[in-house]
N, C-alpha and C. Protein backbone atom coordinates (compact mmCIF):
# COMPACT_ATOMS: atom_id res chain seq x y z
N MET A 1 51.23 -37.86 -63.06
CA MET A 1 51.38 -37.47 -61.67
C MET A 1 50.90 -38.62 -60.80
N GLU A 2 51.70 -38.96 -59.80
CA GLU A 2 51.32 -39.95 -58.81
C GLU A 2 51.14 -39.24 -57.48
N ALA A 3 50.08 -39.55 -56.78
CA ALA A 3 49.86 -38.91 -55.48
C ALA A 3 49.54 -39.96 -54.44
N THR A 4 50.12 -39.83 -53.29
CA THR A 4 49.78 -40.62 -52.13
C THR A 4 49.55 -39.63 -51.02
N ALA A 5 48.37 -39.63 -50.45
CA ALA A 5 48.07 -38.59 -49.47
C ALA A 5 47.60 -39.18 -48.16
N ALA A 6 47.97 -38.53 -47.10
CA ALA A 6 47.42 -38.86 -45.79
C ALA A 6 45.94 -38.50 -45.81
N PRO A 7 45.10 -39.22 -45.07
CA PRO A 7 43.66 -39.00 -45.13
C PRO A 7 43.21 -37.57 -44.84
N ALA A 8 43.92 -36.84 -43.99
CA ALA A 8 43.48 -35.50 -43.57
C ALA A 8 43.66 -34.44 -44.65
N ARG A 9 44.51 -34.70 -45.65
CA ARG A 9 44.76 -33.69 -46.67
C ARG A 9 45.10 -34.37 -47.98
N ASP A 10 44.86 -33.69 -49.05
CA ASP A 10 45.17 -34.21 -50.38
C ASP A 10 45.81 -33.10 -51.19
N PRO A 11 47.14 -32.97 -51.14
CA PRO A 11 47.79 -31.88 -51.85
C PRO A 11 47.74 -32.00 -53.37
N SER A 12 47.21 -33.11 -53.88
CA SER A 12 47.03 -33.17 -55.33
C SER A 12 45.86 -32.28 -55.75
N ARG A 13 44.99 -31.91 -54.79
CA ARG A 13 43.82 -31.08 -55.09
C ARG A 13 43.84 -29.71 -54.39
N SER A 14 44.51 -29.63 -53.23
CA SER A 14 44.50 -28.39 -52.46
C SER A 14 45.71 -28.36 -51.53
N LEU A 15 46.18 -27.17 -51.22
CA LEU A 15 47.26 -27.02 -50.25
C LEU A 15 46.73 -26.85 -48.83
N GLU A 16 45.42 -26.94 -48.66
CA GLU A 16 44.83 -26.81 -47.34
C GLU A 16 45.40 -27.89 -46.41
N GLY A 17 45.86 -27.46 -45.26
CA GLY A 17 46.44 -28.40 -44.30
C GLY A 17 47.92 -28.67 -44.51
N CYS A 18 48.48 -28.17 -45.58
CA CYS A 18 49.92 -28.34 -45.84
C CYS A 18 50.66 -27.19 -45.17
N ARG A 19 51.43 -27.50 -44.14
CA ARG A 19 52.11 -26.47 -43.37
C ARG A 19 53.63 -26.55 -43.48
N ARG A 20 54.13 -27.73 -43.76
CA ARG A 20 55.58 -27.95 -43.86
C ARG A 20 55.84 -28.78 -45.11
N ILE A 21 56.28 -28.10 -46.14
CA ILE A 21 56.41 -28.72 -47.46
C ILE A 21 57.87 -28.83 -47.87
N ILE A 22 58.25 -30.01 -48.35
CA ILE A 22 59.58 -30.23 -48.93
C ILE A 22 59.40 -30.29 -50.45
N VAL A 23 60.26 -29.57 -51.18
CA VAL A 23 60.31 -29.68 -52.64
C VAL A 23 61.67 -30.30 -52.95
N THR A 24 61.64 -31.47 -53.59
CA THR A 24 62.85 -32.20 -53.88
C THR A 24 62.91 -32.55 -55.36
N GLY A 25 64.09 -32.90 -55.83
CA GLY A 25 64.29 -33.27 -57.23
C GLY A 25 65.75 -33.09 -57.60
N THR A 26 66.08 -33.53 -58.80
CA THR A 26 67.45 -33.45 -59.29
C THR A 26 67.85 -31.99 -59.50
N THR A 27 69.14 -31.72 -59.39
CA THR A 27 69.68 -30.40 -59.67
C THR A 27 69.15 -29.89 -61.00
N GLY A 28 68.64 -28.66 -61.01
CA GLY A 28 68.13 -28.06 -62.23
C GLY A 28 66.66 -28.29 -62.49
N SER A 29 65.98 -29.04 -61.62
CA SER A 29 64.57 -29.35 -61.87
C SER A 29 63.64 -28.18 -61.57
N GLY A 30 64.08 -27.21 -60.80
CA GLY A 30 63.22 -26.06 -60.49
C GLY A 30 62.71 -26.06 -59.06
N LYS A 31 63.42 -26.74 -58.17
CA LYS A 31 62.99 -26.82 -56.77
C LYS A 31 62.83 -25.45 -56.14
N THR A 32 63.83 -24.60 -56.31
CA THR A 32 63.80 -23.28 -55.68
C THR A 32 62.68 -22.42 -56.25
N THR A 33 62.47 -22.49 -57.55
CA THR A 33 61.39 -21.71 -58.17
C THR A 33 60.04 -22.14 -57.63
N LEU A 34 59.80 -23.46 -57.58
CA LEU A 34 58.52 -23.95 -57.07
C LEU A 34 58.37 -23.63 -55.59
N ALA A 35 59.43 -23.83 -54.80
CA ALA A 35 59.34 -23.54 -53.37
C ALA A 35 59.04 -22.06 -53.12
N THR A 36 59.62 -21.19 -53.93
CA THR A 36 59.36 -19.75 -53.80
C THR A 36 57.89 -19.45 -54.09
N GLN A 37 57.34 -20.05 -55.14
CA GLN A 37 55.93 -19.85 -55.46
C GLN A 37 55.03 -20.35 -54.34
N LEU A 38 55.31 -21.55 -53.82
CA LEU A 38 54.48 -22.12 -52.77
C LEU A 38 54.58 -21.31 -51.47
N ALA A 39 55.78 -20.88 -51.13
CA ALA A 39 55.96 -20.07 -49.92
C ALA A 39 55.18 -18.76 -50.04
N GLY A 40 55.21 -18.14 -51.22
CA GLY A 40 54.44 -16.92 -51.44
C GLY A 40 52.95 -17.16 -51.30
N HIS A 41 52.48 -18.26 -51.87
CA HIS A 41 51.05 -18.59 -51.80
C HIS A 41 50.60 -18.84 -50.36
N LEU A 42 51.44 -19.55 -49.60
CA LEU A 42 51.07 -19.91 -48.22
C LEU A 42 51.44 -18.83 -47.20
N GLY A 43 52.22 -17.82 -47.63
CA GLY A 43 52.71 -16.83 -46.69
C GLY A 43 53.67 -17.45 -45.69
N ALA A 44 54.45 -18.41 -46.16
CA ALA A 44 55.37 -19.15 -45.30
C ALA A 44 56.82 -18.81 -45.64
N PRO A 45 57.72 -18.96 -44.68
CA PRO A 45 59.13 -18.76 -45.01
C PRO A 45 59.63 -19.87 -45.93
N ARG A 46 60.58 -19.52 -46.78
CA ARG A 46 61.21 -20.52 -47.66
C ARG A 46 62.59 -20.82 -47.11
N ILE A 47 62.90 -22.09 -47.03
CA ILE A 47 64.20 -22.55 -46.55
C ILE A 47 64.92 -23.19 -47.73
N GLU A 48 66.11 -22.70 -48.03
CA GLU A 48 66.90 -23.26 -49.12
C GLU A 48 68.08 -24.00 -48.50
N LEU A 49 68.06 -25.34 -48.60
CA LEU A 49 69.12 -26.12 -47.98
C LEU A 49 70.50 -25.78 -48.53
N ASP A 50 70.59 -25.41 -49.82
CA ASP A 50 71.88 -25.01 -50.37
C ASP A 50 72.47 -23.84 -49.59
N ALA A 51 71.63 -22.90 -49.20
CA ALA A 51 72.10 -21.72 -48.46
C ALA A 51 72.63 -22.10 -47.07
N LEU A 52 72.09 -23.17 -46.49
CA LEU A 52 72.56 -23.63 -45.19
C LEU A 52 73.80 -24.52 -45.33
N HIS A 53 73.91 -25.19 -46.45
CA HIS A 53 75.00 -26.13 -46.67
C HIS A 53 76.31 -25.45 -47.07
N TRP A 54 76.23 -24.44 -47.94
CA TRP A 54 77.45 -23.87 -48.52
C TRP A 54 77.97 -22.69 -47.72
N GLY A 55 79.28 -22.73 -47.45
CA GLY A 55 79.99 -21.60 -46.85
C GLY A 55 80.74 -20.86 -47.94
N PRO A 56 81.62 -19.93 -47.56
CA PRO A 56 82.40 -19.17 -48.53
C PRO A 56 83.27 -20.09 -49.41
N ASN A 57 83.52 -19.63 -50.63
CA ASN A 57 84.36 -20.35 -51.59
C ASN A 57 83.87 -21.77 -51.89
N TRP A 58 82.53 -21.93 -51.88
CA TRP A 58 81.91 -23.23 -52.17
C TRP A 58 82.45 -24.32 -51.25
N THR A 59 82.71 -23.95 -50.02
CA THR A 59 83.15 -24.94 -49.03
C THR A 59 81.93 -25.37 -48.24
N PRO A 60 81.67 -26.67 -48.18
CA PRO A 60 80.52 -27.11 -47.37
C PRO A 60 80.73 -26.76 -45.90
N ASN A 61 79.68 -26.31 -45.27
CA ASN A 61 79.74 -26.09 -43.83
C ASN A 61 79.97 -27.43 -43.14
N PRO A 62 80.61 -27.44 -41.99
CA PRO A 62 80.75 -28.70 -41.25
C PRO A 62 79.36 -29.31 -41.03
N VAL A 63 79.29 -30.63 -41.11
CA VAL A 63 77.99 -31.29 -41.06
C VAL A 63 77.22 -30.95 -39.78
N GLU A 64 77.93 -30.79 -38.66
CA GLU A 64 77.21 -30.46 -37.41
C GLU A 64 76.62 -29.05 -37.47
N VAL A 65 77.29 -28.14 -38.16
CA VAL A 65 76.76 -26.78 -38.35
C VAL A 65 75.55 -26.83 -39.28
N PHE A 66 75.67 -27.56 -40.38
CA PHE A 66 74.58 -27.73 -41.34
C PHE A 66 73.35 -28.32 -40.65
N ARG A 67 73.55 -29.35 -39.86
CA ARG A 67 72.43 -30.00 -39.16
C ARG A 67 71.79 -29.05 -38.14
N ALA A 68 72.61 -28.31 -37.40
CA ALA A 68 72.07 -27.37 -36.41
C ALA A 68 71.28 -26.26 -37.08
N GLN A 69 71.78 -25.73 -38.19
CA GLN A 69 71.06 -24.68 -38.92
C GLN A 69 69.75 -25.22 -39.49
N THR A 70 69.78 -26.44 -40.01
CA THR A 70 68.56 -27.05 -40.56
C THR A 70 67.55 -27.31 -39.45
N ASP A 71 68.02 -27.78 -38.32
CA ASP A 71 67.15 -28.02 -37.17
C ASP A 71 66.44 -26.74 -36.75
N ALA A 72 67.20 -25.65 -36.65
CA ALA A 72 66.62 -24.37 -36.25
C ALA A 72 65.66 -23.83 -37.31
N ALA A 73 66.02 -23.96 -38.58
CA ALA A 73 65.18 -23.42 -39.66
C ALA A 73 63.85 -24.15 -39.78
N THR A 74 63.84 -25.44 -39.46
CA THR A 74 62.62 -26.24 -39.62
C THR A 74 61.83 -26.40 -38.32
N ALA A 75 62.23 -25.70 -37.27
CA ALA A 75 61.50 -25.78 -36.00
C ALA A 75 60.13 -25.10 -36.05
N PRO A 76 59.95 -23.99 -36.79
CA PRO A 76 58.64 -23.33 -36.83
C PRO A 76 57.54 -24.24 -37.40
N GLU A 77 56.32 -23.79 -37.20
CA GLU A 77 55.15 -24.58 -37.60
C GLU A 77 54.83 -24.55 -39.09
N CYS A 78 55.42 -23.61 -39.81
CA CYS A 78 55.06 -23.48 -41.23
C CYS A 78 56.31 -23.10 -42.02
N TRP A 79 56.58 -23.81 -43.13
CA TRP A 79 57.70 -23.50 -44.01
C TRP A 79 57.59 -24.28 -45.31
N VAL A 80 58.34 -23.82 -46.30
CA VAL A 80 58.51 -24.55 -47.55
C VAL A 80 60.02 -24.66 -47.76
N LEU A 81 60.50 -25.87 -47.92
CA LEU A 81 61.92 -26.14 -48.00
C LEU A 81 62.26 -26.75 -49.35
N ASP A 82 63.38 -26.32 -49.94
CA ASP A 82 63.85 -27.00 -51.15
C ASP A 82 65.24 -27.55 -50.93
N GLY A 83 65.43 -28.79 -51.36
CA GLY A 83 66.73 -29.43 -51.26
C GLY A 83 66.63 -30.92 -51.04
N ASN A 84 67.79 -31.58 -51.16
CA ASN A 84 67.84 -33.05 -51.17
C ASN A 84 68.85 -33.66 -50.22
N TYR A 85 69.46 -32.93 -49.36
CA TYR A 85 70.61 -33.42 -48.61
C TYR A 85 70.25 -34.57 -47.66
N SER A 86 70.85 -35.74 -47.91
CA SER A 86 70.58 -36.90 -47.05
C SER A 86 71.12 -36.68 -45.64
N ALA A 87 72.11 -35.80 -45.47
CA ALA A 87 72.69 -35.53 -44.15
C ALA A 87 71.69 -34.92 -43.18
N VAL A 88 70.61 -34.35 -43.69
CA VAL A 88 69.59 -33.75 -42.81
C VAL A 88 68.20 -34.34 -43.04
N ARG A 89 68.13 -35.40 -43.83
CA ARG A 89 66.83 -36.01 -44.11
C ARG A 89 66.13 -36.46 -42.82
N ASP A 90 66.90 -36.98 -41.87
CA ASP A 90 66.31 -37.44 -40.61
C ASP A 90 65.76 -36.30 -39.76
N ILE A 91 66.12 -35.08 -40.06
CA ILE A 91 65.56 -33.90 -39.39
C ILE A 91 64.34 -33.41 -40.16
N VAL A 92 64.48 -33.29 -41.46
CA VAL A 92 63.48 -32.61 -42.29
C VAL A 92 62.26 -33.49 -42.57
N TRP A 93 62.46 -34.70 -43.03
CA TRP A 93 61.32 -35.52 -43.43
C TRP A 93 60.35 -35.81 -42.30
N PRO A 94 60.80 -36.13 -41.08
CA PRO A 94 59.83 -36.37 -40.01
C PRO A 94 59.01 -35.13 -39.65
N ARG A 95 59.55 -33.93 -39.85
CA ARG A 95 58.85 -32.69 -39.52
C ARG A 95 57.88 -32.25 -40.62
N ALA A 96 58.16 -32.66 -41.84
CA ALA A 96 57.33 -32.24 -42.98
C ALA A 96 55.99 -32.97 -42.96
N ASP A 97 55.01 -32.36 -43.61
CA ASP A 97 53.74 -33.06 -43.82
C ASP A 97 53.51 -33.39 -45.30
N THR A 98 54.25 -32.70 -46.18
CA THR A 98 54.05 -32.86 -47.62
C THR A 98 55.40 -32.88 -48.32
N LEU A 99 55.55 -33.79 -49.29
CA LEU A 99 56.76 -33.85 -50.10
C LEU A 99 56.36 -33.77 -51.56
N ILE A 100 56.94 -32.83 -52.27
CA ILE A 100 56.70 -32.68 -53.70
C ILE A 100 57.99 -33.03 -54.41
N TRP A 101 57.91 -34.07 -55.24
CA TRP A 101 59.09 -34.58 -55.94
C TRP A 101 59.00 -34.19 -57.40
N LEU A 102 59.91 -33.32 -57.83
CA LEU A 102 60.01 -32.94 -59.23
C LEU A 102 60.87 -34.00 -59.93
N ASP A 103 60.21 -35.00 -60.49
CA ASP A 103 60.89 -36.14 -61.11
C ASP A 103 60.82 -36.01 -62.63
N TYR A 104 61.52 -35.02 -63.14
CA TYR A 104 61.50 -34.74 -64.58
C TYR A 104 62.53 -35.59 -65.30
N PRO A 105 62.36 -35.77 -66.62
CA PRO A 105 63.39 -36.46 -67.39
C PRO A 105 64.73 -35.73 -67.28
N LEU A 106 65.81 -36.49 -67.34
CA LEU A 106 67.15 -35.92 -67.20
C LEU A 106 67.40 -34.80 -68.21
N GLY A 107 66.95 -34.97 -69.44
CA GLY A 107 67.16 -33.94 -70.46
C GLY A 107 66.55 -32.60 -70.08
N VAL A 108 65.38 -32.62 -69.45
CA VAL A 108 64.73 -31.38 -69.00
C VAL A 108 65.59 -30.71 -67.93
N ASN A 109 66.07 -31.50 -66.98
CA ASN A 109 66.91 -30.95 -65.91
C ASN A 109 68.20 -30.37 -66.48
N LEU A 110 68.83 -31.08 -67.42
CA LEU A 110 70.10 -30.61 -67.98
C LEU A 110 69.89 -29.32 -68.77
N TRP A 111 68.80 -29.23 -69.52
CA TRP A 111 68.51 -28.01 -70.28
C TRP A 111 68.33 -26.84 -69.32
N ARG A 112 67.53 -27.04 -68.27
CA ARG A 112 67.30 -25.98 -67.29
C ARG A 112 68.59 -25.60 -66.57
N LEU A 113 69.38 -26.58 -66.21
CA LEU A 113 70.64 -26.34 -65.54
C LEU A 113 71.60 -25.56 -66.43
N ALA A 114 71.65 -25.92 -67.72
CA ALA A 114 72.53 -25.21 -68.66
C ALA A 114 72.10 -23.75 -68.79
N ARG A 115 70.81 -23.54 -68.97
CA ARG A 115 70.28 -22.17 -69.12
C ARG A 115 70.58 -21.34 -67.87
N ARG A 116 70.28 -21.91 -66.72
CA ARG A 116 70.54 -21.21 -65.45
C ARG A 116 72.03 -20.96 -65.26
N GLY A 117 72.86 -21.96 -65.56
CA GLY A 117 74.30 -21.83 -65.38
C GLY A 117 74.91 -20.77 -66.26
N PHE A 118 74.47 -20.70 -67.52
CA PHE A 118 74.98 -19.67 -68.42
C PHE A 118 74.59 -18.28 -67.93
N VAL A 119 73.34 -18.12 -67.53
CA VAL A 119 72.87 -16.81 -67.08
C VAL A 119 73.60 -16.39 -65.80
N ARG A 120 73.65 -17.27 -64.82
CA ARG A 120 74.31 -16.90 -63.56
C ARG A 120 75.80 -16.65 -63.74
N SER A 121 76.44 -17.46 -64.58
CA SER A 121 77.88 -17.27 -64.81
C SER A 121 78.15 -15.96 -65.54
N ALA A 122 77.35 -15.68 -66.57
CA ALA A 122 77.55 -14.45 -67.35
C ALA A 122 77.26 -13.20 -66.53
N ARG A 123 76.25 -13.27 -65.68
CA ARG A 123 75.87 -12.11 -64.86
C ARG A 123 76.62 -12.04 -63.54
N ARG A 124 77.43 -13.05 -63.27
CA ARG A 124 78.19 -13.11 -62.02
C ARG A 124 77.27 -12.99 -60.79
N VAL A 125 76.24 -13.80 -60.82
CA VAL A 125 75.26 -13.83 -59.73
C VAL A 125 75.92 -14.42 -58.48
N ARG A 126 75.73 -13.74 -57.36
CA ARG A 126 76.29 -14.21 -56.09
C ARG A 126 75.24 -15.04 -55.35
N LEU A 127 75.69 -16.17 -54.82
CA LEU A 127 74.82 -17.09 -54.10
C LEU A 127 75.44 -17.44 -52.76
N TYR A 128 74.66 -17.95 -51.86
CA TYR A 128 75.07 -18.52 -50.59
C TYR A 128 76.47 -18.12 -50.14
N GLY A 129 76.54 -17.23 -49.23
CA GLY A 129 77.82 -16.83 -48.67
C GLY A 129 78.73 -16.13 -49.66
N ASP A 130 78.14 -15.41 -50.59
CA ASP A 130 78.90 -14.63 -51.57
C ASP A 130 79.64 -15.48 -52.60
N ASN A 131 79.16 -16.70 -52.84
CA ASN A 131 79.77 -17.57 -53.85
C ASN A 131 79.29 -17.17 -55.24
N LEU A 132 80.16 -17.36 -56.22
CA LEU A 132 79.82 -17.11 -57.62
C LEU A 132 79.72 -18.42 -58.37
N GLU A 133 78.68 -18.56 -59.20
CA GLU A 133 78.65 -19.68 -60.14
C GLU A 133 79.52 -19.30 -61.32
N THR A 134 80.31 -20.25 -61.78
CA THR A 134 81.20 -20.00 -62.91
C THR A 134 80.94 -21.03 -64.01
N PHE A 135 81.38 -20.71 -65.22
CA PHE A 135 81.27 -21.67 -66.31
C PHE A 135 82.02 -22.95 -65.95
N ARG A 136 83.21 -22.80 -65.39
CA ARG A 136 84.00 -23.97 -65.02
C ARG A 136 83.26 -24.81 -63.97
N GLY A 137 82.76 -24.15 -62.93
CA GLY A 137 82.06 -24.86 -61.87
C GLY A 137 80.78 -25.54 -62.32
N ASN A 138 80.12 -24.94 -63.28
CA ASN A 138 78.87 -25.53 -63.78
C ASN A 138 79.10 -26.65 -64.79
N PHE A 139 80.15 -26.52 -65.60
CA PHE A 139 80.27 -27.42 -66.74
C PHE A 139 81.59 -28.18 -66.87
N PHE A 140 82.70 -27.64 -66.36
CA PHE A 140 84.00 -28.19 -66.74
C PHE A 140 84.84 -28.73 -65.61
N SER A 141 84.42 -28.61 -64.38
CA SER A 141 85.24 -29.12 -63.28
C SER A 141 84.84 -30.55 -62.94
N ARG A 142 85.68 -31.18 -62.13
CA ARG A 142 85.38 -32.54 -61.68
C ARG A 142 84.10 -32.57 -60.84
N ASP A 143 83.78 -31.46 -60.18
CA ASP A 143 82.58 -31.36 -59.35
C ASP A 143 81.47 -30.55 -60.02
N ALA A 144 81.48 -30.50 -61.34
CA ALA A 144 80.52 -29.67 -62.08
C ALA A 144 79.07 -30.07 -61.76
N LEU A 145 78.21 -29.06 -61.69
CA LEU A 145 76.79 -29.31 -61.45
C LEU A 145 76.19 -30.22 -62.51
N PHE A 146 76.65 -30.06 -63.73
CA PHE A 146 76.16 -30.90 -64.83
C PHE A 146 76.43 -32.38 -64.54
N LEU A 147 77.65 -32.69 -64.13
CA LEU A 147 78.00 -34.08 -63.81
C LEU A 147 77.21 -34.57 -62.61
N TRP A 148 77.05 -33.71 -61.62
CA TRP A 148 76.28 -34.09 -60.43
C TRP A 148 74.84 -34.42 -60.80
N ALA A 149 74.25 -33.64 -61.67
CA ALA A 149 72.87 -33.92 -62.11
C ALA A 149 72.78 -35.28 -62.79
N ILE A 150 73.74 -35.57 -63.65
CA ILE A 150 73.74 -36.86 -64.36
C ILE A 150 73.89 -38.01 -63.37
N LYS A 151 74.83 -37.88 -62.42
CA LYS A 151 75.08 -38.95 -61.45
C LYS A 151 73.91 -39.16 -60.49
N SER A 152 73.27 -38.08 -60.08
CA SER A 152 72.26 -38.20 -59.03
C SER A 152 70.85 -38.50 -59.55
N HIS A 153 70.59 -38.25 -60.82
CA HIS A 153 69.22 -38.40 -61.36
C HIS A 153 68.70 -39.83 -61.18
N GLY A 154 69.44 -40.80 -61.69
CA GLY A 154 68.99 -42.20 -61.59
C GLY A 154 68.96 -42.69 -60.16
N ARG A 155 69.93 -42.23 -59.36
CA ARG A 155 69.98 -42.65 -57.96
C ARG A 155 68.72 -42.20 -57.21
N LYS A 156 68.29 -40.97 -57.44
CA LYS A 156 67.07 -40.49 -56.77
C LYS A 156 65.85 -41.31 -57.20
N ARG A 157 65.79 -41.62 -58.48
CA ARG A 157 64.64 -42.40 -58.97
C ARG A 157 64.58 -43.79 -58.36
N SER A 158 65.72 -44.37 -58.06
CA SER A 158 65.70 -45.70 -57.45
C SER A 158 65.62 -45.62 -55.92
N GLU A 159 66.12 -44.55 -55.33
CA GLU A 159 66.18 -44.40 -53.89
C GLU A 159 64.87 -43.91 -53.27
N TYR A 160 64.19 -42.98 -53.92
CA TYR A 160 63.03 -42.33 -53.31
C TYR A 160 61.82 -43.25 -53.11
N PRO A 161 61.40 -44.05 -54.08
CA PRO A 161 60.20 -44.87 -53.83
C PRO A 161 60.31 -45.77 -52.60
N PRO A 162 61.43 -46.52 -52.42
CA PRO A 162 61.50 -47.32 -51.19
C PRO A 162 61.56 -46.47 -49.92
N LEU A 163 62.25 -45.32 -49.99
CA LEU A 163 62.30 -44.43 -48.82
C LEU A 163 60.90 -43.94 -48.45
N LEU A 164 60.15 -43.53 -49.45
CA LEU A 164 58.80 -43.01 -49.20
C LEU A 164 57.84 -44.10 -48.73
N ALA A 165 58.17 -45.36 -49.01
CA ALA A 165 57.30 -46.47 -48.59
C ALA A 165 57.57 -46.91 -47.16
N LEU A 166 58.62 -46.39 -46.54
CA LEU A 166 58.93 -46.77 -45.16
C LEU A 166 57.84 -46.28 -44.20
N PRO A 167 57.53 -47.05 -43.17
CA PRO A 167 56.49 -46.63 -42.22
C PRO A 167 56.74 -45.26 -41.61
N GLU A 168 58.00 -44.91 -41.36
CA GLU A 168 58.29 -43.61 -40.73
C GLU A 168 58.01 -42.43 -41.64
N HIS A 169 57.75 -42.71 -42.93
CA HIS A 169 57.41 -41.63 -43.85
C HIS A 169 55.95 -41.70 -44.32
N ALA A 170 55.17 -42.56 -43.68
CA ALA A 170 53.76 -42.72 -44.07
C ALA A 170 52.95 -41.44 -43.83
N HIS A 171 53.42 -40.56 -42.95
CA HIS A 171 52.72 -39.32 -42.66
C HIS A 171 52.84 -38.29 -43.80
N LEU A 172 53.80 -38.50 -44.70
CA LEU A 172 54.02 -37.53 -45.79
C LEU A 172 53.01 -37.71 -46.92
N ALA A 173 52.28 -36.67 -47.20
CA ALA A 173 51.47 -36.65 -48.42
C ALA A 173 52.45 -36.35 -49.55
N THR A 174 52.48 -37.20 -50.56
CA THR A 174 53.50 -37.10 -51.59
C THR A 174 52.90 -36.83 -52.95
N ILE A 175 53.48 -35.86 -53.64
CA ILE A 175 53.12 -35.55 -55.02
C ILE A 175 54.37 -35.77 -55.85
N ARG A 176 54.28 -36.61 -56.87
CA ARG A 176 55.39 -36.86 -57.78
C ARG A 176 55.01 -36.28 -59.14
N LEU A 177 55.68 -35.20 -59.50
CA LEU A 177 55.38 -34.49 -60.74
C LEU A 177 56.45 -34.84 -61.77
N ARG A 178 56.04 -35.31 -62.94
CA ARG A 178 56.98 -35.87 -63.91
C ARG A 178 57.31 -34.97 -65.09
N SER A 179 56.78 -33.76 -65.10
CA SER A 179 57.11 -32.82 -66.17
C SER A 179 56.79 -31.40 -65.72
N PRO A 180 57.44 -30.40 -66.33
CA PRO A 180 57.08 -29.02 -66.00
C PRO A 180 55.61 -28.72 -66.29
N GLN A 181 55.05 -29.35 -67.32
CA GLN A 181 53.63 -29.13 -67.64
C GLN A 181 52.74 -29.68 -66.52
N ALA A 182 53.09 -30.85 -66.00
CA ALA A 182 52.32 -31.41 -64.88
C ALA A 182 52.40 -30.51 -63.66
N THR A 183 53.56 -29.92 -63.44
CA THR A 183 53.72 -29.01 -62.31
C THR A 183 52.87 -27.76 -62.49
N ARG A 184 52.86 -27.20 -63.71
CA ARG A 184 52.02 -26.02 -63.97
C ARG A 184 50.55 -26.34 -63.76
N ARG A 185 50.10 -27.49 -64.27
CA ARG A 185 48.69 -27.87 -64.09
C ARG A 185 48.36 -28.05 -62.61
N TRP A 186 49.27 -28.69 -61.88
CA TRP A 186 49.05 -28.90 -60.44
C TRP A 186 48.97 -27.55 -59.71
N LEU A 187 49.89 -26.65 -60.02
CA LEU A 187 49.88 -25.32 -59.38
C LEU A 187 48.56 -24.59 -59.66
N GLU A 188 48.08 -24.68 -60.88
CA GLU A 188 46.80 -24.03 -61.21
C GLU A 188 45.67 -24.65 -60.41
N ARG A 189 45.70 -25.97 -60.26
CA ARG A 189 44.62 -26.67 -59.55
C ARG A 189 44.61 -26.32 -58.06
N VAL A 190 45.80 -26.25 -57.44
CA VAL A 190 45.85 -26.00 -55.99
C VAL A 190 45.87 -24.51 -55.67
N GLY A 191 45.96 -23.67 -56.69
CA GLY A 191 45.94 -22.22 -56.47
C GLY A 191 47.27 -21.65 -56.06
N GLY A 192 48.36 -22.37 -56.32
CA GLY A 192 49.69 -21.88 -55.92
C GLY A 192 50.42 -21.15 -57.03
N GLY A 193 49.85 -21.09 -58.21
CA GLY A 193 50.52 -20.39 -59.32
C GLY A 193 50.48 -18.89 -59.12
N GLN A 194 51.52 -18.21 -59.58
CA GLN A 194 51.58 -16.75 -59.42
C GLN A 194 51.33 -16.09 -60.76
C-alpha cells in the first residue's frame, strides 16, 4: 500500500476528515463494493458514475447530460463516488478530498469480472436505466467488459501516477491498494469494514 496524505488527514489510518471520497480502479476491481461499504460507514450518499453515464439500451448519455448530473451529484458536502470517467474528472477530482485507487493485478480483476458477469447474466440483473448484463456483452462483443478491462488496466497504471502528482491534485489524500487483502486490512484499520 502506498499512501500520500494531506497534512490535515491520513486516510491510511482513519477516515476522520474524509468527506468526499473517490474509489477508482479497473473494471471488476470492486469499486462499487468498497464505495458501498465506505458510504455506509460514513453515513454518506454513494454516487455510481456508471448509473449517471448509461442510458437505456447501454447507450451513453450525452456528455453534457452526464457532466450536469455529475456536477449536481457531487455538489453536497459529503459523498462516496465510484468510477473512472475522464469526461468528468475535472468536476470530481477538484471536489474530492480523498482518492482510493484499487490497483489490483489484472488477473484478480478479470476473475472478479468473470464471476460477476456470469452471476448477473444468469440472473438477468437489471442495472442503470433498466439495462441487462449479458454473456455476449460481458465476454463476446467488440465492446465486452472483459476486453475493456484488459485495455484499460495498463493505461490506468501509467496515467494515474503523473495525474496524481499534478499540483491541482495535491489536495487529494491518496491510498493505492494493490490487492484485495490490502483493502481488507485497510478497511479493518480505518473501521470501514462491515
